[in-house]
Protein backbone atom coordinates (compact mmCIF):
# COMPACT_ATOMS: atom_id res chain seq x y z
CA UNK A 1 -2.15 -14.79 9.69
CA UNK A 2 0.11 -13.36 6.95
CA UNK A 3 -1.51 -12.79 3.20
CA UNK A 4 -0.57 -11.59 -0.31
CA UNK A 5 -0.63 -12.11 -3.55
CA UNK A 6 1.73 -14.08 -5.85
CA UNK A 7 1.77 -15.11 -10.03
CA UNK A 8 1.78 -18.22 -11.20
CA UNK A 9 1.45 -19.57 -15.10
CA UNK A 10 -1.69 -20.85 -16.17
CA UNK A 11 -2.99 -22.50 -19.32
CA UNK A 12 -4.78 -19.09 -20.25
CA UNK A 13 -1.78 -16.92 -19.21
CA UNK A 14 -0.76 -15.12 -15.51
CA UNK A 15 -3.11 -15.98 -12.75
CA UNK A 16 -2.92 -14.23 -9.59
CA UNK A 17 -3.51 -16.11 -6.55
CA UNK A 18 -3.92 -15.48 -2.22
CA UNK A 19 -1.17 -16.96 -0.39
CA UNK A 20 -1.09 -17.49 3.27
CA UNK A 21 2.43 -16.35 4.29
CA UNK A 22 4.80 -18.25 7.21
CA UNK A 23 8.38 -16.23 6.75
CA UNK A 24 9.73 -18.53 9.70
CA UNK A 25 8.93 -21.55 7.80
CA UNK A 26 10.25 -20.15 4.61
CA UNK A 27 6.46 -20.43 2.63
CA UNK A 28 3.47 -19.41 1.10
CA UNK A 29 0.60 -21.94 1.21
CA UNK A 30 -1.93 -21.70 -1.95
CA UNK A 31 -4.77 -20.68 -0.73
CA UNK A 32 -7.02 -22.00 -3.51
CA UNK A 33 -5.27 -24.86 -4.34
CA UNK A 34 -4.92 -25.90 -0.32
CA UNK A 35 -8.89 -25.55 0.30
CA UNK A 36 -9.64 -27.43 -2.81
CA UNK A 37 -7.11 -30.00 -1.12
CA UNK A 38 -9.19 -30.17 2.38
CA UNK A 39 -12.67 -30.19 0.74
CA UNK A 40 -11.77 -33.15 -0.80
CA UNK A 41 -10.23 -35.23 1.79
CA UNK A 42 -13.65 -35.20 2.99
CA UNK A 43 -15.17 -36.70 -0.28
CA UNK A 44 -15.79 -33.69 -2.46
CA UNK A 45 -15.27 -34.25 -6.31
CA UNK A 46 -11.52 -32.82 -7.80
CA UNK A 47 -13.93 -30.22 -10.11
CA UNK A 48 -16.49 -29.18 -7.51
CA UNK A 49 -13.76 -28.69 -4.66
CA UNK A 50 -11.84 -26.29 -7.37
CA UNK A 51 -14.54 -24.42 -8.11
CA UNK A 52 -15.89 -23.59 -4.50
CA UNK A 53 -12.00 -22.79 -3.55
CA UNK A 54 -11.53 -20.17 -5.72
CA UNK A 55 -14.92 -19.04 -4.86
CA UNK A 56 -13.63 -18.31 -1.84
CA UNK A 57 -9.87 -17.60 -2.75
CA UNK A 58 -9.99 -15.73 -5.73
CA UNK A 59 -7.01 -13.71 -7.49
CA UNK A 60 -8.65 -10.54 -5.94
CA UNK A 61 -7.88 -10.52 -1.64
CA UNK A 62 -10.41 -7.20 -2.02
CA UNK A 63 -13.24 -9.97 -3.46
CA UNK A 64 -12.23 -12.17 -0.51
CA UNK A 65 -11.95 -10.31 2.83
CA UNK A 66 -15.71 -9.40 1.17
CA UNK A 67 -16.95 -12.51 2.46
CA UNK A 68 -16.51 -11.15 5.69
CA UNK A 69 -15.43 -13.80 8.61
CA UNK A 70 -15.97 -16.72 6.65
CA UNK A 71 -12.80 -15.91 4.48
CA UNK A 72 -10.42 -16.14 8.02
CA UNK A 73 -12.27 -18.94 8.68
CA UNK A 74 -11.86 -20.94 5.68
CA UNK A 75 -8.34 -19.83 5.49
CA UNK A 76 -7.52 -21.58 8.48
CA UNK A 77 -8.81 -24.41 7.34
CA UNK A 78 -6.74 -24.65 3.84
CA UNK A 79 -3.68 -24.49 6.13
CA UNK A 80 -4.69 -28.41 7.26
CA UNK A 81 -3.37 -28.98 3.68
CA UNK A 82 -0.52 -26.63 3.75
CA UNK A 83 2.24 -28.80 3.31
CA UNK A 84 0.67 -30.04 0.48
CA UNK A 85 -0.19 -26.58 -1.40
CA UNK A 86 2.95 -24.69 -0.49
CA UNK A 87 6.45 -23.30 -2.54
CA UNK A 88 9.52 -21.40 -1.10
CA UNK A 89 9.13 -17.92 0.28
CA UNK A 90 11.76 -17.33 -2.73
CA UNK A 91 10.54 -18.90 -5.75
CA UNK A 92 7.48 -17.21 -6.06
CA UNK A 93 6.62 -13.55 -8.03
CA UNK A 94 5.24 -11.17 -6.25
CA UNK A 95 1.98 -8.71 -6.82
CA UNK A 96 0.58 -6.08 -4.39
CA UNK A 97 -0.44 -7.57 -1.61
CA UNK A 98 -4.19 -5.84 -2.17
CA UNK A 99 -6.34 -4.75 -4.69
CA UNK A 100 -7.67 -2.18 -3.59
CA UNK A 101 -10.77 -0.86 -4.64
CA UNK A 102 -10.10 2.30 -3.71
CA UNK A 103 -6.75 4.39 -1.94
CA UNK A 104 -6.54 6.56 0.09
CA UNK A 105 -3.64 8.53 1.50
CA UNK A 106 -3.47 10.64 4.96
CA UNK A 107 -1.24 13.09 6.65
CA UNK A 108 -1.19 11.65 10.34
CA UNK A 109 2.00 12.16 11.31
CA UNK A 110 3.52 14.94 13.10
CA UNK A 111 7.57 14.88 12.31
CA UNK A 112 7.21 14.32 8.69
CA UNK A 113 4.11 17.30 8.96
CA UNK A 114 7.02 19.44 10.23
CA UNK A 115 10.12 18.03 7.94
CA UNK A 116 8.28 18.44 5.11
CA UNK A 117 7.03 21.93 5.24
CA UNK A 118 10.47 23.16 6.31
CA UNK A 119 12.49 21.45 3.50
CA UNK A 120 9.77 22.10 1.26
CA UNK A 121 7.09 24.78 1.49
CA UNK A 122 9.66 26.63 3.41
CA UNK A 123 7.26 27.86 6.14
CA UNK A 124 5.55 26.11 9.07
CA UNK A 125 2.59 23.73 8.47
CA UNK A 126 -0.15 25.22 7.54
CA UNK A 127 -3.11 25.32 9.64
CA UNK A 128 -5.48 23.16 8.03
CA UNK A 129 -3.41 20.29 8.43
CA UNK A 130 -4.04 20.13 12.39
CA UNK A 131 -7.78 21.19 12.09
CA UNK A 132 -8.46 17.92 10.31
CA UNK A 133 -6.94 14.17 8.79
CA UNK A 134 -7.09 15.16 5.23
CA UNK A 135 -5.96 12.37 2.41
CA UNK A 136 -5.75 12.50 -1.78
CA UNK A 137 -7.59 9.59 -3.49
CA UNK A 138 -4.43 7.38 -5.53
CA UNK A 139 -4.95 5.75 -8.58
CA UNK A 140 -5.41 1.78 -8.28
CA UNK A 141 -4.20 1.14 -12.01
CA UNK A 142 -0.45 1.33 -10.17
CA UNK A 143 0.17 -0.62 -7.94
CA UNK A 144 2.97 -2.76 -7.72
CA UNK A 145 4.04 -5.21 -4.84
CA UNK A 146 7.24 -6.69 -3.99
CA UNK A 147 10.34 -7.06 -6.15
CA UNK A 148 8.51 -5.30 -8.84
CA UNK A 149 10.54 -2.61 -10.93
CA UNK A 150 8.90 0.84 -10.35
CA UNK A 151 8.95 3.00 -13.50
CA UNK A 152 11.20 6.25 -13.19
CA UNK A 153 8.77 9.72 -15.29
CA UNK A 154 10.99 11.57 -17.10
CA UNK A 155 9.24 14.43 -15.73
CA UNK A 156 11.20 13.81 -12.97
CA UNK A 157 14.66 14.60 -10.87
CA UNK A 158 13.93 14.00 -7.90
CA UNK A 159 11.66 10.47 -7.20
CA UNK A 160 11.21 10.20 -3.79
CA UNK A 161 10.00 6.91 -1.56
CA UNK A 162 7.30 7.15 1.27
CA UNK A 163 7.08 4.39 4.01
CA UNK A 164 3.76 4.39 5.31
CA UNK A 165 1.45 2.07 6.86
CA UNK A 166 -1.45 0.56 4.67
CA UNK A 167 -4.75 0.43 6.66
CA UNK A 168 -6.79 -2.59 4.78
CA UNK A 169 -10.74 -2.31 5.61
CA UNK A 170 -12.16 -5.54 6.17
CA UNK A 171 -15.93 -4.48 6.72
CA UNK A 172 -18.00 -1.74 5.12
CA UNK A 173 -19.04 0.91 6.88
CA UNK A 174 -19.64 4.79 6.76
CA UNK A 175 -19.85 7.93 9.11
CA UNK A 176 -17.91 6.08 11.94
CA UNK A 177 -16.77 6.91 15.09
CA UNK A 178 -12.47 6.62 16.27
CA UNK A 179 -14.49 4.01 18.65
CA UNK A 180 -15.81 2.02 15.86
CA UNK A 181 -13.16 2.67 12.75
CA UNK A 182 -10.58 -0.15 13.69
CA UNK A 183 -13.63 -2.67 13.75
CA UNK A 184 -13.40 -2.55 10.24
CA UNK A 185 -9.72 -2.99 9.88
CA UNK A 186 -8.84 -6.25 8.47
CA UNK A 187 -4.98 -5.98 8.45
CA UNK A 188 -2.08 -3.56 8.30
CA UNK A 189 0.98 -3.60 5.16
CA UNK A 190 3.79 -1.59 3.86
CA UNK A 191 2.22 1.51 1.66
CA UNK A 192 5.20 3.19 -0.30
CA UNK A 193 3.74 6.30 -1.69
CA UNK A 194 6.02 6.94 -4.46
CA UNK A 195 6.07 10.62 -5.21
CA UNK A 196 7.97 13.23 -7.79
CA UNK A 197 8.69 15.68 -5.51
CA UNK A 198 9.29 18.76 -8.39
CA UNK A 199 6.22 17.59 -10.02
CA UNK A 200 4.60 17.44 -6.85
CA UNK A 201 5.70 21.56 -6.57
CA UNK A 202 4.18 22.32 -9.92
CA UNK A 203 0.90 20.43 -9.72
CA UNK A 204 0.14 21.76 -5.98
CA UNK A 205 -1.37 25.44 -6.85
CA UNK A 206 -3.26 23.70 -9.21
CA UNK A 207 -5.31 23.34 -6.37
CA UNK A 208 -6.68 20.02 -7.51
CA UNK A 209 -4.39 17.74 -5.59
CA UNK A 210 -1.47 15.45 -6.72
CA UNK A 211 -1.76 14.02 -10.05
CA UNK A 212 1.34 12.62 -12.13
CA UNK A 213 3.39 13.35 -9.56
CA UNK A 214 1.99 10.28 -7.26
CA UNK A 215 -0.29 8.27 -9.74
CA UNK A 216 2.68 6.77 -11.64
CA UNK A 217 3.18 3.78 -8.64
CA UNK A 218 2.18 3.01 -5.38
CA UNK A 219 4.17 0.25 -3.61
CA UNK A 220 1.95 -2.31 -1.50
CA UNK A 221 3.06 -5.57 0.18
CA UNK A 222 4.83 -7.44 0.91
CA UNK A 223 1.77 -8.81 2.44
CA UNK A 224 -0.79 -8.30 5.13
CA UNK A 225 -1.07 -8.92 8.64
CA UNK A 226 -3.94 -9.41 10.10
CA UNK A 227 -4.92 -6.96 12.46
CA UNK A 228 -5.62 -9.88 15.42
CA UNK A 229 -1.75 -9.91 15.67
CA UNK A 230 -0.98 -6.32 15.86
CA UNK A 231 -1.12 -5.95 19.68
CA UNK A 232 -0.54 -1.93 18.69
CA UNK A 233 0.29 -0.10 15.89
CA UNK A 234 1.44 2.71 18.00
CA UNK A 235 5.50 1.66 18.34
CA UNK A 236 5.92 -0.08 15.88
CA UNK A 237 9.79 0.75 14.52
CA UNK A 238 10.71 0.98 10.74
CA UNK A 239 13.93 1.60 8.85
CA UNK A 240 14.06 2.93 4.93
CA UNK A 241 17.36 1.31 3.28
CA UNK A 242 18.58 2.42 -0.23
CA UNK A 243 21.21 0.40 -2.06
CA UNK A 244 21.72 -1.44 1.23
CA UNK A 245 22.54 1.62 2.96
CA UNK A 246 20.20 3.00 6.19
CA UNK A 247 18.81 6.44 5.25
CA UNK A 248 16.57 6.25 8.50
CA UNK A 249 15.33 4.23 11.45
CA UNK A 250 11.92 5.32 12.39
CA UNK A 251 9.02 4.50 14.42
CA UNK A 252 5.19 4.68 14.62
CA UNK A 253 4.66 8.09 16.83
CA UNK A 254 3.83 11.54 17.09
CA UNK A 255 0.16 11.49 15.76
CA UNK A 256 -1.57 14.10 14.95
CA UNK A 257 -4.50 11.65 14.74
CA UNK A 258 -4.89 8.60 15.64
CA UNK A 259 -5.09 5.78 13.13
CA UNK A 260 -8.43 5.45 14.34
CA UNK A 261 -9.13 8.84 13.96
CA UNK A 262 -8.40 8.90 10.30
CA UNK A 263 -10.64 5.53 9.24
CA UNK A 264 -13.28 7.39 10.56
CA UNK A 265 -12.55 10.22 9.19
CA UNK A 266 -12.49 8.70 5.50
CA UNK A 267 -15.92 6.85 6.20
CA UNK A 268 -17.77 10.36 6.52
CA UNK A 269 -20.18 11.17 4.01
CA UNK A 270 -18.23 8.27 2.10
CA UNK A 271 -18.12 4.42 2.19
CA UNK A 272 -15.39 2.26 3.31
CA UNK A 273 -15.24 -1.14 1.16
CA UNK A 274 -13.13 -4.42 1.74
CA UNK A 275 -10.12 -3.94 0.19
CA UNK A 276 -9.94 -0.37 0.69
CA UNK A 277 -5.94 0.74 1.49
CA UNK A 278 -5.95 4.24 3.64
CA UNK A 279 -2.53 5.18 3.77
CA UNK A 280 -1.34 6.58 7.23
CA UNK A 281 1.03 9.34 5.76
CA UNK A 282 4.85 9.00 5.99
CA UNK A 283 6.47 8.00 9.19
CA UNK A 284 8.84 10.68 10.82
CA UNK A 285 11.74 10.80 8.19
CA UNK A 286 10.65 7.72 6.33
CA UNK A 287 10.68 10.44 3.19
CA UNK A 288 14.10 11.34 1.42
CA UNK A 289 12.62 15.11 0.99
CA UNK A 290 13.12 15.11 4.74
CA UNK A 291 16.82 14.89 4.40
CA UNK A 292 17.47 16.25 0.98
CA UNK A 293 17.94 12.86 -0.90
CA UNK A 294 16.37 10.96 -3.42
CA UNK A 295 16.52 8.00 -5.65
CA UNK A 296 18.39 7.48 -8.72
CA UNK A 297 17.73 4.80 -11.63
CA UNK A 298 18.30 1.33 -10.89
CA UNK A 299 18.30 2.49 -6.82
CA UNK A 300 16.94 -0.43 -4.82
CA UNK A 301 14.76 0.89 -1.93
CA UNK A 302 13.58 -1.55 1.00
CA UNK A 303 11.30 -0.05 3.22
CA UNK A 304 10.76 -2.72 6.67
CA UNK A 305 7.70 -2.17 9.15
CA UNK A 306 7.94 -4.38 12.52
CA UNK A 307 4.93 -6.90 11.98
CA UNK A 308 4.94 -6.99 8.56
CA UNK A 309 8.28 -7.61 6.74
CA UNK A 310 9.83 -5.96 4.34
CA UNK A 311 9.16 -4.14 0.76
CA UNK A 312 11.67 -4.15 -1.73
CA UNK A 313 11.43 -2.19 -5.02
CA UNK A 314 14.54 -1.44 -7.51
CA UNK A 315 13.20 1.40 -9.57
CA UNK A 316 13.43 1.25 -12.86
CA UNK A 317 17.10 1.70 -14.60
CA UNK A 318 15.84 4.04 -18.07
CA UNK A 319 13.24 6.49 -17.23
CA UNK A 320 10.31 6.49 -19.33
CA UNK A 321 9.67 8.93 -21.91
CA UNK A 322 5.65 8.91 -22.92
CA UNK A 323 4.77 8.93 -26.35
CA UNK A 324 3.02 12.86 -25.91
CA UNK A 325 3.33 15.53 -23.60
CA UNK A 326 0.95 18.73 -23.50
CA UNK A 327 2.87 21.89 -24.93
CA UNK A 328 2.18 24.83 -22.13
CA UNK A 329 0.09 27.66 -23.47
CA UNK A 330 0.10 31.18 -23.41
CA UNK A 331 -0.98 32.31 -20.19
CA UNK A 332 -3.42 35.21 -20.81
CA UNK A 333 -3.33 37.96 -17.96
CA UNK A 334 0.49 38.33 -18.04
CA UNK A 335 -0.26 42.23 -18.61
CA UNK A 336 -2.62 42.12 -15.71
CA UNK A 337 -1.72 44.39 -11.93
CA UNK A 338 -2.22 42.51 -9.36
CA UNK A 339 -4.58 45.21 -7.12
């Protein structure tokens, strides 16, 4: 099944609805509405059926997934009333496919690792990236869905895209092994780890990880494909297009660490929560920094992944200017001689 989130207008303003997506039929099905109709056909009152349906299919997909196997079981039951709760795929407004409690983004593809260090760091990859599947944590306040406009912060001249797989956690777990890990994955989506490459280079030496170079935007979508529909993650093909021009053809290969190893590693000493998003790291040549080509204000970026679909976003034509920015402080060690 493919699942996403759309926005609809209600009496209290914008409401988020979880939908089943049928790309081949060109439609989405509002699962709460469909499930309420299914209950009414079984004798439930209109008011009570709506209450039950919204409790099972709230606007938070993470909350829905937390119901465990019952979530998908009820989703399939809802589809019995799909014809009376569907909307054209082209007439909906998308939001990020999931509202993750935590975003963690890994680094697992050897091709991207080698390209990044060669083109940006100007050295061979550091040993540490081969000793453990490292990851950073990102903000959940700046997630964007299909067709939403991505801000372009005025502190950068090198806005970049990154084609990644987003592993969506379905079941809680802690201290998992790779053999256990993928049983805790609900599905996969496309994850665009938007990056400000020049800002990233300035933040790196601070030693506290990415800040504004990453947390201004994360793309998630267009929807999630449940893991049962993905026979194998390895070998999936992807493509990057900017303004219709193909920037890269890529595929899921050359793992330094496998998806199972990454998910298991994230769970060690911590815990996985339903709805968590774990980024795979960028697929080989899936980022502009690997070919020294970045995006400009107004550009349209499309990331396509086999088995999922295409996540499309336009970059804002105007750069975002904050009302305040800190002044650099004097460096107190200019007169000291390095030993």
